[in-house]
Protein backbone atom coordinates (compact mmCIF):
# COMPACT_ATOMS: atom_id res chain seq x y z
CA MET A 1 -3.62 -10.55 1.97
CA VAL A 2 -4.28 -7.41 -0.06
CA LYS A 3 -6.93 -4.82 0.78
CA ILE A 4 -7.93 -1.60 -0.99
CA ILE A 5 -9.15 1.60 0.61
CA ALA A 6 -11.09 3.02 -2.32
CA GLY A 7 -12.64 6.31 -3.24
CA LYS A 8 -12.31 9.39 -5.35
CA LYS A 9 -9.80 12.11 -4.53
CA GLY A 10 -10.77 13.89 -1.32
CA ALA A 11 -12.92 11.02 -0.01
CA GLY A 12 -10.88 10.60 3.19
CA LYS A 13 -8.84 7.54 2.23
CA THR A 14 -5.64 8.77 3.84
CA LYS A 15 -7.39 9.38 7.15
CA ILE A 16 -8.75 5.82 7.10
CA LEU A 17 -5.27 4.56 6.19
CA ILE A 18 -3.66 6.43 9.10
CA GLU A 19 -6.16 4.95 11.54
CA ALA A 20 -5.44 1.46 10.15
CA ILE A 21 -1.68 2.07 10.48
CA HIS A 22 -2.04 3.09 14.12
CA LYS A 23 -4.23 0.07 14.84
CA ALA A 24 -1.71 -2.26 13.18
CA GLU A 25 1.14 -0.72 15.16
CA LYS A 26 -0.65 -1.44 18.42
CA GLU A 27 -1.61 -5.02 17.48
CA SER A 28 1.40 -6.17 15.45
CA LYS A 29 3.98 -8.52 16.91
CA GLY A 30 6.34 -7.52 14.08
CA ASN A 31 7.14 -4.56 11.86
CA VAL A 32 4.71 -2.18 10.19
CA VAL A 33 5.76 -0.33 7.03
CA ALA A 34 4.06 2.71 5.48
CA ILE A 35 4.95 3.69 1.92
CA GLN A 36 4.07 7.16 0.72
CA TYR A 37 4.67 9.38 -2.27
CA GLY A 38 6.23 12.50 -0.81
CA SER A 39 5.90 13.37 2.86
CA SER A 40 2.14 13.52 3.43
CA LEU A 41 2.17 11.03 6.33
CA ASN A 42 5.28 12.29 8.15
CA VAL A 43 3.51 14.16 10.95
CA ASP A 44 0.67 11.67 11.41
CA ILE A 45 2.60 8.42 11.81
CA TYR A 46 4.08 7.10 15.07
CA HIS A 47 7.85 6.86 15.12
CA LYS A 48 7.75 3.05 15.46
CA ILE A 49 6.37 2.72 11.93
CA ARG A 50 8.94 2.35 9.14
CA LEU A 51 7.96 5.27 6.90
CA ILE A 52 9.27 5.16 3.32
CA ASN A 53 9.13 7.99 0.80
CA ILE A 54 8.94 5.96 -2.40
CA GLU A 55 10.32 8.91 -4.40
CA ASP A 56 13.74 8.15 -2.89
CA TYR A 57 13.78 4.77 -4.68
CA LYS A 58 12.76 5.87 -8.19
CA ILE A 59 9.77 3.52 -8.37
CA ASN A 60 7.91 4.34 -11.61
CA ASP A 61 5.71 1.44 -12.57
CA TYR A 62 3.92 -1.75 -11.59
CA ASP A 63 6.92 -4.08 -11.91
CA ASP A 64 9.11 -1.69 -9.89
CA MET A 65 6.56 -1.60 -7.09
CA TYR A 66 6.18 -5.38 -7.01
CA GLY A 67 9.96 -5.74 -6.86
CA PHE A 68 10.20 -3.16 -4.08
CA VAL A 69 7.63 -4.99 -1.94
CA ALA A 70 9.23 -8.37 -2.67
CA GLY A 71 12.64 -7.01 -1.71
CA MET A 72 11.32 -5.60 1.56
CA LEU A 73 9.75 -8.94 2.45
CA ALA A 74 12.89 -10.86 1.48
CA SER A 75 15.05 -8.69 3.71
CA ASN A 76 12.72 -8.54 6.71
CA TYR A 77 10.72 -11.61 7.70
CA ASP A 78 9.14 -9.70 10.60
CA ILE A 79 6.96 -7.42 8.45
CA THR A 80 3.30 -7.98 9.34
CA ASP A 81 1.68 -5.01 7.62
CA ILE A 82 2.47 -2.84 4.61
CA PHE A 83 0.46 0.29 3.86
CA VAL A 84 0.70 2.22 0.59
CA ASP A 85 -0.76 5.70 0.22
CA GLY A 86 -1.22 7.15 -3.26
CA THR A 87 -0.82 3.94 -5.24
CA LEU A 88 -1.83 5.47 -8.58
CA ARG A 89 0.61 8.38 -8.13
CA ILE A 90 3.39 5.87 -7.56
CA VAL A 91 2.78 3.32 -10.33
CA GLY A 92 0.40 4.89 -12.85
CA ARG A 93 -3.31 5.08 -13.50
CA ASP A 94 -3.87 1.90 -15.53
CA LEU A 95 -6.25 0.01 -13.24
CA GLU A 96 -5.80 -3.26 -15.14
CA GLN A 97 -2.05 -3.09 -14.50
CA VAL A 98 -2.66 -2.19 -10.85
CA SER A 99 -4.87 -5.28 -10.61
CA LYS A 100 -2.11 -7.49 -12.05
CA MET A 101 0.45 -5.94 -9.69
CA LEU A 102 -1.77 -6.56 -6.66
CA ASP A 103 -2.34 -10.15 -7.79
CA ARG A 104 1.43 -10.69 -7.84
CA ILE A 105 1.83 -9.03 -4.45
CA ALA A 106 -0.98 -11.19 -3.03
CA LEU A 107 0.96 -14.31 -4.02
CA ILE A 108 3.92 -13.33 -1.80
CA THR A 109 2.02 -11.83 1.14
CA GLU A 110 0.13 -14.78 2.55
CA ASN A 111 1.10 -13.83 6.12
CA VAL A 112 1.34 -10.07 5.56
CA THR A 113 -1.51 -7.61 5.24
CA VAL A 114 -0.99 -5.12 2.41
CA THR A 115 -3.38 -2.16 2.39
CA VAL A 116 -3.34 0.35 -0.47
CA THR A 117 -5.28 3.49 -1.29
CA ILE A 118 -6.60 3.88 -4.82
CA SER A 119 -8.04 7.24 -5.84
CA ALA A 120 -10.63 6.17 -8.35
CA ASP A 121 -14.33 5.47 -8.25
CA PRO A 122 -14.78 1.79 -7.29
CA ALA A 123 -17.50 1.56 -9.93
CA ASP A 124 -14.73 2.03 -12.52
CA TYR A 125 -12.56 -0.78 -11.12
CA PRO A 126 -11.95 -3.82 -13.28
CA GLU A 127 -13.16 -7.11 -11.80
CA GLY A 128 -9.61 -7.98 -10.78
CA LEU A 129 -9.50 -5.04 -8.37
CA LYS A 130 -12.97 -5.45 -6.92
CA LYS A 131 -11.96 -8.64 -5.14
CA TYR A 132 -9.65 -6.59 -2.89
CA LEU A 133 -12.35 -4.19 -1.69
């Protein structure tokens, strides 16, 4: 399942994401992963959460990100939740391509909740993204 936390820059998406991460950590019977661009979440995330700085893996586009998520899931069947902060900074700002990437991720995450932040006005989202709101 894929979910989007939407809003323009400065709308409080990261705060909502952090609260969702903490809730998932308390409720999950498996592993929770948080992917960030840089180190913005380092001080706010509990140590039990697997925190990944995506810059360390040279992820540059939509296919790279899909492959990264697929690889994580293939190597760890206990992942229950994946959170991604700063999706557009990681993969690019083409919302149509983000929609296609999330569609691919949705196909492989039937039993995993993937929550991403997207810093763009939801009114500007293509139809393919709106279904994840």
